[in-house]
Amino acid sequence: MANVESKDLEGIVLKIAARRQPIGGSTRLYHDLRISGDDAFELIDKIGKDFGTKFEGFKWDTYFPNESEALFAHIWRIFGGGKKFKPLTFDHLLNVVRTGYWFEPPA
């Protein structure tokens, strides 16, 4: 288990999301911060490199739209259509980092 401070992970997430305001534990990476596509990959890759977290079994398309989907996903959501993505919260990501490997959030 890694002894990772919340602020360390938050700094990475805020940089990728291009935000300055602090985020809370229930903040959803895609739904609230609009992290998707290449940015989502960059985030997960950086977390793996910086903290040694393993993401084997992580299903990208369950949590994030790819680059081309991201262009239309917001519009589709407004009208109630399109693919639904499971929420991935900051708190769950922090728990994953502290545990050292990916696990599904509780239902």
PDB file of N, CA and C in Angstrom:
ATOM      1  N   MET A   1       0.840  -1.188   0.000  1.00  0.00           N
ATOM      2  CA  MET A   1       0.000   0.000   0.000  1.00  0.00           C
ATOM      3  C   MET A   1       0.882   1.247   0.000  1.00  0.00           C
ATOM      4  N   ALA A   2       0.547   2.175  -0.851  1.00  0.00           N
ATOM      5  CA  ALA A   2       1.303   3.415  -0.953  1.00  0.00           C
ATOM      6  C   ALA A   2       0.735   4.455   0.007  1.00  0.00           C
ATOM      7  N   ASN A   3       1.619   5.206   0.614  1.00  0.00           N
ATOM      8  CA  ASN A   3       1.208   6.292   1.499  1.00  0.00           C
ATOM      9  C   ASN A   3       1.135   7.566   0.661  1.00  0.00           C
ATOM     10  N   VAL A   4       0.033   7.721  -0.038  1.00  0.00           N
ATOM     11  CA  VAL A   4      -0.151   8.840  -0.964  1.00  0.00           C
ATOM     12  C   VAL A   4      -1.095   9.855  -0.339  1.00  0.00           C
ATOM     13  N   GLU A   5      -0.671  11.091  -0.335  1.00  0.00           N
ATOM     14  CA  GLU A   5      -1.513  12.175   0.170  1.00  0.00           C
ATOM     15  C   GLU A   5      -2.542  12.551  -0.902  1.00  0.00           C
ATOM     16  N   SER A   6      -3.717  12.886  -0.462  1.00  0.00           N
ATOM     17  CA  SER A   6      -4.793  13.313  -1.358  1.00  0.00           C
ATOM     18  C   SER A   6      -4.340  14.469  -2.240  1.00  0.00           C
ATOM     19  N   LYS A   7      -3.615  15.415  -1.664  1.00  0.00           N
ATOM     20  CA  LYS A   7      -3.183  16.604  -2.420  1.00  0.00           C
ATOM     21  C   LYS A   7      -2.216  16.249  -3.552  1.00  0.00           C
ATOM     22  N   ASP A   8      -1.436  15.172  -3.381  1.00  0.00           N
ATOM     23  CA  ASP A   8      -0.512  14.761  -4.444  1.00  0.00           C
ATOM     24  C   ASP A   8      -1.279  14.273  -5.671  1.00  0.00           C
ATOM     25  N   LEU A   9      -2.277  13.428  -5.431  1.00  0.00           N
ATOM     26  CA  LEU A   9      -3.099  12.934  -6.535  1.00  0.00           C
ATOM     27  C   LEU A   9      -3.950  14.060  -7.106  1.00  0.00           C
ATOM     28  N   GLU A  10      -4.475  14.909  -6.235  1.00  0.00           N
ATOM     29  CA  GLU A  10      -5.308  16.021  -6.699  1.00  0.00           C
ATOM     30  C   GLU A  10      -4.523  16.934  -7.637  1.00  0.00           C
ATOM     31  N   GLY A  11      -3.258  17.170  -7.349  1.00  0.00           N
ATOM     32  CA  GLY A  11      -2.435  18.003  -8.221  1.00  0.00           C
ATOM     33  C   GLY A  11      -2.343  17.445  -9.629  1.00  0.00           C
ATOM     34  N   ILE A  12      -2.189  16.134  -9.739  1.00  0.00           N
ATOM     35  CA  ILE A  12      -2.118  15.488 -11.049  1.00  0.00           C
ATOM     36  C   ILE A  12      -3.453  15.613 -11.776  1.00  0.00           C
ATOM     37  N   VAL A  13      -4.539  15.314 -11.064  1.00  0.00           N
ATOM     38  CA  VAL A  13      -5.873  15.369 -11.679  1.00  0.00           C
ATOM     39  C   VAL A  13      -6.188  16.795 -12.133  1.00  0.00           C
ATOM     40  N   LEU A  14      -5.900  17.778 -11.292  1.00  0.00           N
ATOM     41  CA  LEU A  14      -6.189  19.169 -11.651  1.00  0.00           C
ATOM     42  C   LEU A  14      -5.387  19.618 -12.869  1.00  0.00           C
ATOM     43  N   LYS A  15      -4.143  19.173 -12.948  1.00  0.00           N
ATOM     44  CA  LYS A  15      -3.321  19.543 -14.101  1.00  0.00           C
ATOM     45  C   LYS A  15      -3.895  18.952 -15.389  1.00  0.00           C
ATOM     46  N   ILE A  16      -4.265  17.679 -15.356  1.00  0.00           N
ATOM     47  CA  ILE A  16      -4.829  17.023 -16.545  1.00  0.00           C
ATOM     48  C   ILE A  16      -6.162  17.674 -16.917  1.00  0.00           C
ATOM     49  N   ALA A  17      -6.979  18.015 -15.905  1.00  0.00           N
ATOM     50  CA  ALA A  17      -8.301  18.604 -16.156  1.00  0.00           C
ATOM     51  C   ALA A  17      -8.226  20.100 -16.442  1.00  0.00           C
ATOM     52  N   ALA A  18      -7.034  20.678 -16.323  1.00  0.00           N
ATOM     53  CA  ALA A  18      -6.837  22.115 -16.539  1.00  0.00           C
ATOM     54  C   ALA A  18      -7.776  22.946 -15.652  1.00  0.00           C
ATOM     55  N   ARG A  19      -7.778  22.592 -14.366  1.00  0.00           N
ATOM     56  CA  ARG A  19      -8.609  23.298 -13.377  1.00  0.00           C
ATOM     57  C   ARG A  19      -7.733  23.833 -12.273  1.00  0.00           C
ATOM     58  N   ARG A  20      -8.236  24.857 -11.597  1.00  0.00           N
ATOM     59  CA  ARG A  20      -7.528  25.404 -10.446  1.00  0.00           C
ATOM     60  C   ARG A  20      -8.283  25.172  -9.146  1.00  0.00           C
ATOM     61  N   GLN A  21      -9.602  25.072  -9.242  1.00  0.00           N
ATOM     62  CA  GLN A  21     -10.415  24.899  -8.051  1.00  0.00           C
ATOM     63  C   GLN A  21     -10.181  23.508  -7.459  1.00  0.00           C
ATOM     64  N   PRO A  22     -10.135  23.423  -6.130  1.00  0.00           N
ATOM     65  CA  PRO A  22      -9.990  22.102  -5.503  1.00  0.00           C
ATOM     66  C   PRO A  22     -11.169  21.203  -5.865  1.00  0.00           C
ATOM     67  N   ILE A  23     -10.929  19.920  -5.806  1.00  0.00           N
ATOM     68  CA  ILE A  23     -11.993  18.968  -6.090  1.00  0.00           C
ATOM     69  C   ILE A  23     -12.285  18.158  -4.828  1.00  0.00           C
ATOM     70  N   GLY A  24     -13.504  17.650  -4.734  1.00  0.00           N
ATOM     71  CA  GLY A  24     -13.903  16.844  -3.589  1.00  0.00           C
ATOM     72  C   GLY A  24     -13.793  15.361  -3.902  1.00  0.00           C
ATOM     73  N   GLY A  25     -13.971  14.574  -2.880  1.00  0.00           N
ATOM     74  CA  GLY A  25     -13.866  13.130  -3.025  1.00  0.00           C
ATOM     75  C   GLY A  25     -14.892  12.529  -3.953  1.00  0.00           C
ATOM     76  N   SER A  26     -16.068  13.128  -4.023  1.00  0.00           N
ATOM     77  CA  SER A  26     -17.123  12.583  -4.876  1.00  0.00           C
ATOM     78  C   SER A  26     -17.076  13.129  -6.302  1.00  0.00           C
ATOM     79  N   THR A  27     -16.083  13.951  -6.597  1.00  0.00           N
ATOM     80  CA  THR A  27     -15.928  14.489  -7.950  1.00  0.00           C
ATOM     81  C   THR A  27     -15.662  13.342  -8.915  1.00  0.00           C
ATOM     82  N   ARG A  28     -16.447  13.292  -9.994  1.00  0.00           N
ATOM     83  CA  ARG A  28     -16.312  12.243 -11.001  1.00  0.00           C
ATOM     84  C   ARG A  28     -15.393  12.730 -12.118  1.00  0.00           C
ATOM     85  N   LEU A  29     -14.443  11.898 -12.468  1.00  0.00           N
ATOM     86  CA  LEU A  29     -13.403  12.321 -13.414  1.00  0.00           C
ATOM     87  C   LEU A  29     -13.959  12.673 -14.780  1.00  0.00           C
ATOM     88  N   TYR A  30     -14.822  11.829 -15.322  1.00  0.00           N
ATOM     89  CA  TYR A  30     -15.382  12.148 -16.633  1.00  0.00           C
ATOM     90  C   TYR A  30     -16.608  13.056 -16.508  1.00  0.00           C
ATOM     91  N   HIS A  31     -17.555  12.690 -15.697  1.00  0.00           N
ATOM     92  CA  HIS A  31     -18.827  13.398 -15.635  1.00  0.00           C
ATOM     93  C   HIS A  31     -18.698  14.834 -15.123  1.00  0.00           C
ATOM     94  N   ASP A  32     -17.811  15.072 -14.169  1.00  0.00           N
ATOM     95  CA  ASP A  32     -17.670  16.415 -13.603  1.00  0.00           C
ATOM     96  C   ASP A  32     -16.496  17.194 -14.187  1.00  0.00           C
ATOM     97  N   LEU A  33     -15.381  16.515 -14.390  1.00  0.00           N
ATOM     98  CA  LEU A  33     -14.173  17.199 -14.871  1.00  0.00           C
ATOM     99  C   LEU A  33     -13.965  17.093 -16.369  1.00  0.00           C
ATOM    100  N   ARG A  34     -14.769  16.279 -17.037  1.00  0.00           N
ATOM    101  CA  ARG A  34     -14.696  16.079 -18.492  1.00  0.00           C
ATOM    102  C   ARG A  34     -13.346  15.502 -18.942  1.00  0.00           C
ATOM    103  N   ILE A  35     -12.721  14.710 -18.082  1.00  0.00           N
ATOM    104  CA  ILE A  35     -11.505  14.009 -18.480  1.00  0.00           C
ATOM    105  C   ILE A  35     -11.926  12.827 -19.343  1.00  0.00           C
ATOM    106  N   SER A  36     -11.373  12.739 -20.548  1.00  0.00           N
ATOM    107  CA  SER A  36     -11.738  11.665 -21.473  1.00  0.00           C
ATOM    108  C   SER A  36     -10.615  11.467 -22.482  1.00  0.00           C
ATOM    109  N   GLY A  37     -10.760  10.458 -23.305  1.00  0.00           N
ATOM    110  CA  GLY A  37      -9.831  10.214 -24.404  1.00  0.00           C
ATOM    111  C   GLY A  37      -8.377  10.176 -23.989  1.00  0.00           C
ATOM    112  N   ASP A  38      -7.553  10.909 -24.724  1.00  0.00           N
ATOM    113  CA  ASP A  38      -6.116  10.937 -24.468  1.00  0.00           C
ATOM    114  C   ASP A  38      -5.795  11.475 -23.080  1.00  0.00           C
ATOM    115  N   ASP A  39      -6.589  12.414 -22.577  1.00  0.00           N
ATOM    116  CA  ASP A  39      -6.355  12.952 -21.238  1.00  0.00           C
ATOM    117  C   ASP A  39      -6.553  11.879 -20.173  1.00  0.00           C
ATOM    118  N   ALA A  40      -7.562  11.039 -20.347  1.00  0.00           N
ATOM    119  CA  ALA A  40      -7.794   9.941 -19.396  1.00  0.00           C
ATOM    120  C   ALA A  40      -6.612   8.974 -19.419  1.00  0.00           C
ATOM    121  N   PHE A  41      -6.145   8.648 -20.617  1.00  0.00           N
ATOM    122  CA  PHE A  41      -4.991   7.762 -20.729  1.00  0.00           C
ATOM    123  C   PHE A  41      -3.770   8.388 -20.065  1.00  0.00           C
ATOM    124  N   GLU A  42      -3.552   9.677 -20.317  1.00  0.00           N
ATOM    125  CA  GLU A  42      -2.415  10.373 -19.724  1.00  0.00           C
ATOM    126  C   GLU A  42      -2.497  10.351 -18.196  1.00  0.00           C
ATOM    127  N   LEU A  43      -3.691  10.557 -17.661  1.00  0.00           N
ATOM    128  CA  LEU A  43      -3.886  10.545 -16.210  1.00  0.00           C
ATOM    129  C   LEU A  43      -3.532   9.180 -15.621  1.00  0.00           C
ATOM    130  N   ILE A  44      -4.108   8.124 -16.171  1.00  0.00           N
ATOM    131  CA  ILE A  44      -3.871   6.773 -15.642  1.00  0.00           C
ATOM    132  C   ILE A  44      -2.402   6.387 -15.817  1.00  0.00           C
ATOM    133  N   ASP A  45      -1.817   6.740 -16.946  1.00  0.00           N
ATOM    134  CA  ASP A  45      -0.415   6.438 -17.201  1.00  0.00           C
ATOM    135  C   ASP A  45       0.486   7.152 -16.193  1.00  0.00           C
ATOM    136  N   LYS A  46       0.220   8.419 -15.948  1.00  0.00           N
ATOM    137  CA  LYS A  46       1.035   9.200 -14.995  1.00  0.00           C
ATOM    138  C   LYS A  46       0.907   8.643 -13.584  1.00  0.00           C
ATOM    139  N   ILE A  47      -0.296   8.265 -13.189  1.00  0.00           N
ATOM    140  CA  ILE A  47      -0.501   7.688 -11.864  1.00  0.00           C
ATOM    141  C   ILE A  47       0.294   6.384 -11.735  1.00  0.00           C
ATOM    142  N   GLY A  48       0.259   5.572 -12.784  1.00  0.00           N
ATOM    143  CA  GLY A  48       1.030   4.331 -12.765  1.00  0.00           C
ATOM    144  C   GLY A  48       2.515   4.583 -12.623  1.00  0.00           C
ATOM    145  N   LYS A  49       3.020   5.556 -13.358  1.00  0.00           N
ATOM    146  CA  LYS A  49       4.449   5.867 -13.302  1.00  0.00           C
ATOM    147  C   LYS A  49       4.847   6.531 -11.986  1.00  0.00           C
ATOM    148  N   ASP A  50       4.051   7.499 -11.537  1.00  0.00           N
ATOM    149  CA  ASP A  50       4.421   8.253 -10.334  1.00  0.00           C
ATOM    150  C   ASP A  50       4.250   7.458  -9.044  1.00  0.00           C
ATOM    151  N   PHE A  51       3.214   6.635  -8.975  1.00  0.00           N
ATOM    152  CA  PHE A  51       2.906   5.941  -7.727  1.00  0.00           C
ATOM    153  C   PHE A  51       3.085   4.424  -7.809  1.00  0.00           C
ATOM    154  N   GLY A  52       3.364   3.898  -9.003  1.00  0.00           N
ATOM    155  CA  GLY A  52       3.539   2.463  -9.158  1.00  0.00           C
ATOM    156  C   GLY A  52       2.236   1.682  -9.142  1.00  0.00           C
ATOM    157  N   THR A  53       1.119   2.370  -9.340  1.00  0.00           N
ATOM    158  CA  THR A  53      -0.192   1.726  -9.329  1.00  0.00           C
ATOM    159  C   THR A  53      -0.366   0.881 -10.587  1.00  0.00           C
ATOM    160  N   LYS A  54      -0.878  -0.325 -10.413  1.00  0.00           N
ATOM    161  CA  LYS A  54      -1.132  -1.231 -11.535  1.00  0.00           C
ATOM    162  C   LYS A  54      -2.601  -1.130 -11.938  1.00  0.00           C
ATOM    163  N   PHE A  55      -2.848  -1.020 -13.222  1.00  0.00           N
ATOM    164  CA  PHE A  55      -4.215  -0.882 -13.731  1.00  0.00           C
ATOM    165  C   PHE A  55      -4.635  -2.063 -14.610  1.00  0.00           C
ATOM    166  N   GLU A  56      -4.059  -3.251 -14.354  1.00  0.00           N
ATOM    167  CA  GLU A  56      -4.488  -4.442 -15.091  1.00  0.00           C
ATOM    168  C   GLU A  56      -5.968  -4.671 -14.822  1.00  0.00           C
ATOM    169  N   GLY A  57      -6.717  -4.963 -15.869  1.00  0.00           N
ATOM    170  CA  GLY A  57      -8.144  -5.211 -15.730  1.00  0.00           C
ATOM    171  C   GLY A  57      -9.006  -3.964 -15.779  1.00  0.00           C
ATOM    172  N   PHE A  58      -8.384  -2.799 -15.865  1.00  0.00           N
ATOM    173  CA  PHE A  58      -9.145  -1.552 -15.960  1.00  0.00           C
ATOM    174  C   PHE A  58      -9.774  -1.482 -17.345  1.00  0.00           C
ATOM    175  N   LYS A  59     -11.074  -1.276 -17.401  1.00  0.00           N
ATOM    176  CA  LYS A  59     -11.795  -1.229 -18.682  1.00  0.00           C
ATOM    177  C   LYS A  59     -12.071   0.226 -19.047  1.00  0.00           C
ATOM    178  N   TRP A  60     -11.216   0.766 -19.899  1.00  0.00           N
ATOM    179  CA  TRP A  60     -11.280   2.180 -20.290  1.00  0.00           C
ATOM    180  C   TRP A  60     -12.665   2.603 -20.736  1.00  0.00           C
ATOM    181  N   ASP A  61     -13.225   1.821 -21.640  1.00  0.00           N
ATOM    182  CA  ASP A  61     -14.486   2.236 -22.261  1.00  0.00           C
ATOM    183  C   ASP A  61     -15.679   2.132 -21.316  1.00  0.00           C
ATOM    184  N   THR A  62     -15.474   1.627 -20.120  1.00  0.00           N
ATOM    185  CA  THR A  62     -16.520   1.604 -19.099  1.00  0.00           C
ATOM    186  C   THR A  62     -16.610   2.957 -18.390  1.00  0.00           C
ATOM    187  N   TYR A  63     -15.466   3.650 -18.276  1.00  0.00           N
ATOM    188  CA  TYR A  63     -15.385   4.881 -17.495  1.00  0.00           C
ATOM    189  C   TYR A  63     -15.163   6.150 -18.316  1.00  0.00           C
ATOM    190  N   PHE A  64     -14.556   5.996 -19.488  1.00  0.00           N
ATOM    191  CA  PHE A  64     -14.211   7.170 -20.291  1.00  0.00           C
ATOM    192  C   PHE A  64     -14.549   6.965 -21.765  1.00  0.00           C
ATOM    193  N   PRO A  65     -15.082   8.006 -22.419  1.00  0.00           N
ATOM    194  CA  PRO A  65     -15.223   7.916 -23.876  1.00  0.00           C
ATOM    195  C   PRO A  65     -13.851   8.082 -24.525  1.00  0.00           C
ATOM    196  N   ASN A  66     -13.697   7.490 -25.711  1.00  0.00           N
ATOM    197  CA  ASN A  66     -12.445   7.707 -26.422  1.00  0.00           C
ATOM    198  C   ASN A  66     -12.472   9.111 -27.044  1.00  0.00           C
ATOM    199  N   GLU A  67     -11.422   9.452 -27.711  1.00  0.00           N
ATOM    200  CA  GLU A  67     -11.269  10.813 -28.251  1.00  0.00           C
ATOM    201  C   GLU A  67     -12.426  11.205 -29.167  1.00  0.00           C
ATOM    202  N   SER A  68     -12.802  10.322 -30.080  1.00  0.00           N
ATOM    203  CA  SER A  68     -13.880  10.678 -31.010  1.00  0.00           C
ATOM    204  C   SER A  68     -15.244  10.681 -30.323  1.00  0.00           C
ATOM    205  N   GLU A  69     -15.482   9.758 -29.404  1.00  0.00           N
ATOM    206  CA  GLU A  69     -16.748   9.739 -28.671  1.00  0.00           C
ATOM    207  C   GLU A  69     -16.911  10.985 -27.804  1.00  0.00           C
ATOM    208  N   ALA A  70     -15.818  11.467 -27.255  1.00  0.00           N
ATOM    209  CA  ALA A  70     -15.864  12.602 -26.333  1.00  0.00           C
ATOM    210  C   ALA A  70     -16.443  13.847 -27.000  1.00  0.00           C
ATOM    211  N   LEU A  71     -16.234  13.982 -28.297  1.00  0.00           N
ATOM    212  CA  LEU A  71     -16.754  15.147 -29.007  1.00  0.00           C
ATOM    213  C   LEU A  71     -18.278  15.207 -28.961  1.00  0.00           C
ATOM    214  N   PHE A  72     -18.903  14.041 -28.999  1.00  0.00           N
ATOM    215  CA  PHE A  72     -20.359  13.990 -29.060  1.00  0.00           C
ATOM    216  C   PHE A  72     -21.021  13.559 -27.756  1.00  0.00           C
ATOM    217  N   ALA A  73     -20.250  13.014 -26.828  1.00  0.00           N
ATOM    218  CA  ALA A  73     -20.828  12.441 -25.609  1.00  0.00           C
ATOM    219  C   ALA A  73     -21.616  13.467 -24.800  1.00  0.00           C
ATOM    220  N   HIS A  74     -21.101  14.672 -24.686  1.00  0.00           N
ATOM    221  CA  HIS A  74     -21.797  15.698 -23.904  1.00  0.00           C
ATOM    222  C   HIS A  74     -23.149  16.045 -24.546  1.00  0.00           C
ATOM    223  N   ILE A  75     -23.158  16.196 -25.838  1.00  0.00           N
ATOM    224  CA  ILE A  75     -24.413  16.505 -26.541  1.00  0.00           C
ATOM    225  C   ILE A  75     -25.405  15.355 -26.384  1.00  0.00           C
ATOM    226  N   TRP A  76     -24.918  14.129 -26.536  1.00  0.00           N
ATOM    227  CA  TRP A  76     -25.790  12.964 -26.380  1.00  0.00           C
ATOM    228  C   TRP A  76     -26.394  12.921 -24.981  1.00  0.00           C
ATOM    229  N   ARG A  77     -25.571  13.249 -23.962  1.00  0.00           N
ATOM    230  CA  ARG A  77     -26.064  13.219 -22.577  1.00  0.00           C
ATOM    231  C   ARG A  77     -27.167  14.247 -22.364  1.00  0.00           C
ATOM    232  N   ILE A  78     -27.045  15.407 -22.977  1.00  0.00           N
ATOM    233  CA  ILE A  78     -28.061  16.455 -22.832  1.00  0.00           C
ATOM    234  C   ILE A  78     -29.419  15.938 -23.301  1.00  0.00           C
ATOM    235  N   PHE A  79     -29.413  15.173 -24.372  1.00  0.00           N
ATOM    236  CA  PHE A  79     -30.657  14.665 -24.956  1.00  0.00           C
ATOM    237  C   PHE A  79     -31.006  13.259 -24.471  1.00  0.00           C
ATOM    238  N   GLY A  80     -30.276  12.762 -23.488  1.00  0.00           N
ATOM    239  CA  GLY A  80     -30.592  11.474 -22.886  1.00  0.00           C
ATOM    240  C   GLY A  80     -30.173  10.268 -23.691  1.00  0.00           C
ATOM    241  N   GLY A  81     -29.325  10.443 -24.659  1.00  0.00           N
ATOM    242  CA  GLY A  81     -28.895   9.317 -25.482  1.00  0.00           C
ATOM    243  C   GLY A  81     -27.421   9.038 -25.321  1.00  0.00           C
ATOM    244  N   GLY A  82     -26.927   8.198 -26.174  1.00  0.00           N
ATOM    245  CA  GLY A  82     -25.514   7.876 -26.179  1.00  0.00           C
ATOM    246  C   GLY A  82     -25.137   6.867 -25.122  1.00  0.00           C
ATOM    247  N   LYS A  83     -23.894   6.484 -25.151  1.00  0.00           N
ATOM    248  CA  LYS A  83     -23.361   5.499 -24.227  1.00  0.00           C
ATOM    249  C   LYS A  83     -23.259   6.088 -22.826  1.00  0.00           C
ATOM    250  N   LYS A  84     -23.579   5.294 -21.843  1.00  0.00           N
ATOM    251  CA  LYS A  84     -23.464   5.706 -20.444  1.00  0.00           C
ATOM    252  C   LYS A  84     -22.116   5.222 -19.911  1.00  0.00           C
ATOM    253  N   PHE A  85     -21.444   6.071 -19.176  1.00  0.00           N
ATOM    254  CA  PHE A  85     -20.161   5.724 -18.591  1.00  0.00           C
ATOM    255  C   PHE A  85     -20.289   5.682 -17.078  1.00  0.00           C
ATOM    256  N   LYS A  86     -19.714   4.629 -16.482  1.00  0.00           N
ATOM    257  CA  LYS A  86     -19.760   4.497 -15.032  1.00  0.00           C
ATOM    258  C   LYS A  86     -18.952   5.620 -14.400  1.00  0.00           C
ATOM    259  N   PRO A  87     -19.398   6.125 -13.257  1.00  0.00           N
ATOM    260  CA  PRO A  87     -18.630   7.174 -12.598  1.00  0.00           C
ATOM    261  C   PRO A  87     -17.377   6.616 -11.923  1.00  0.00           C
ATOM    262  N   LEU A  88     -16.293   7.333 -12.082  1.00  0.00           N
ATOM    263  CA  LEU A  88     -15.048   7.039 -11.384  1.00  0.00           C
ATOM    264  C   LEU A  88     -14.728   8.275 -10.567  1.00  0.00           C
ATOM    265  N   THR A  89     -14.852   8.163  -9.248  1.00  0.00           N
ATOM    266  CA  THR A  89     -14.666   9.326  -8.381  1.00  0.00           C
ATOM    267  C   THR A  89     -13.216   9.493  -7.969  1.00  0.00           C
ATOM    268  N   PHE A  90     -12.910  10.697  -7.541  1.00  0.00           N
ATOM    269  CA  PHE A  90     -11.575  10.988  -7.038  1.00  0.00           C
ATOM    270  C   PHE A  90     -11.259  10.094  -5.839  1.00  0.00           C
ATOM    271  N   ASP A  91     -12.206   9.933  -4.903  1.00  0.00           N
ATOM    272  CA  ASP A  91     -11.969   9.088  -3.725  1.00  0.00           C
ATOM    273  C   ASP A  91     -11.641   7.652  -4.113  1.00  0.00           C
ATOM    274  N   HIS A  92     -12.369   7.113  -5.108  1.00  0.00           N
ATOM    275  CA  HIS A  92     -12.073   5.741  -5.509  1.00  0.00           C
ATOM    276  C   HIS A  92     -10.685   5.661  -6.139  1.00  0.00           C
ATOM    277  N   LEU A  93     -10.351   6.623  -6.974  1.00  0.00           N
ATOM    278  CA  LEU A  93      -9.029   6.632  -7.585  1.00  0.00           C
ATOM    279  C   LEU A  93      -7.947   6.718  -6.503  1.00  0.00           C
ATOM    280  N   LEU A  94      -8.162   7.529  -5.495  1.00  0.00           N
ATOM    281  CA  LEU A  94      -7.201   7.638  -4.392  1.00  0.00           C
ATOM    282  C   LEU A  94      -7.067   6.298  -3.667  1.00  0.00           C
ATOM    283  N   ASN A  95      -8.181   5.609  -3.442  1.00  0.00           N
ATOM    284  CA  ASN A  95      -8.128   4.284  -2.806  1.00  0.00           C
ATOM    285  C   ASN A  95      -7.356   3.285  -3.664  1.00  0.00           C
ATOM    286  N   VAL A  96      -7.551   3.360  -4.978  1.00  0.00           N
ATOM    287  CA  VAL A  96      -6.821   2.487  -5.899  1.00  0.00           C
ATOM    288  C   VAL A  96      -5.324   2.763  -5.791  1.00  0.00           C
ATOM    289  N   VAL A  97      -4.949   4.033  -5.792  1.00  0.00           N
ATOM    290  CA  VAL A  97      -3.534   4.398  -5.702  1.00  0.00           C
ATOM    291  C   VAL A  97      -2.948   3.914  -4.381  1.00  0.00           C
ATOM    292  N   ARG A  98      -3.662   4.112  -3.315  1.00  0.00           N
ATOM    293  CA  ARG A  98      -3.167   3.685  -1.992  1.00  0.00           C
ATOM    294  C   ARG A  98      -3.072   2.166  -1.884  1.00  0.00           C
ATOM    295  N   THR A  99      -3.974   1.448  -2.556  1.00  0.00           N
ATOM    296  CA  THR A  99      -3.942  -0.009  -2.551  1.00  0.00           C
ATOM    297  C   THR A  99      -2.835  -0.530  -3.462  1.00  0.00           C
ATOM    298  N   GLY A 100      -2.587   0.189  -4.552  1.00  0.00           N
ATOM    299  CA  GLY A 100      -1.519  -0.180  -5.474  1.00  0.00           C
ATOM    300  C   GLY A 100      -1.968  -0.891  -6.722  1.00  0.00           C
ATOM    301  N   TYR A 101      -3.276  -1.155  -6.827  1.00  0.00           N
ATOM    302  CA  TYR A 101      -3.782  -1.831  -8.015  1.00  0.00           C
ATOM    303  C   TYR A 101      -5.256  -1.471  -8.217  1.00  0.00           C
ATOM    304  N   TRP A 102      -5.700  -1.624  -9.476  1.00  0.00           N
ATOM    305  CA  TRP A 102      -7.082  -1.314  -9.845  1.00  0.00           C
ATOM    306  C   TRP A 102      -8.042  -2.332  -9.248  1.00  0.00           C
ATOM    307  N   PHE A 103      -9.165  -1.844  -8.728  1.00  0.00           N
ATOM    308  CA  PHE A 103     -10.296  -2.678  -8.351  1.00  0.00           C
ATOM    309  C   PHE A 103     -11.558  -1.880  -8.633  1.00  0.00           C
ATOM    310  N   GLU A 104     -12.614  -2.584  -8.963  1.00  0.00           N
ATOM    311  CA  GLU A 104     -13.879  -1.929  -9.302  1.00  0.00           C
ATOM    312  C   GLU A 104     -14.463  -1.221  -8.090  1.00  0.00           C
ATOM    313  N   PRO A 105     -15.088  -0.053  -8.313  1.00  0.00           N
ATOM    314  CA  PRO A 105     -15.760   0.614  -7.205  1.00  0.00           C
ATOM    315  C   PRO A 105     -16.961  -0.218  -6.752  1.00  0.00           C
ATOM    316  N   PRO A 106     -17.326  -0.086  -5.471  1.00  0.00           N
ATOM    317  CA  PRO A 106     -18.507  -0.811  -5.010  1.00  0.00           C
ATOM    318  C   PRO A 106     -19.759  -0.347  -5.754  1.00  0.00           C
ATOM    319  N   ALA A 107     -20.690  -1.244  -5.922  1.00  0.00           N
ATOM    320  CA  ALA A 107     -21.927  -0.928  -6.655  1.00  0.00           C
ATOM    321  C   ALA A 107     -22.796   0.038  -5.885  1.00  0.00           C
TER     322      ALA A 107
END
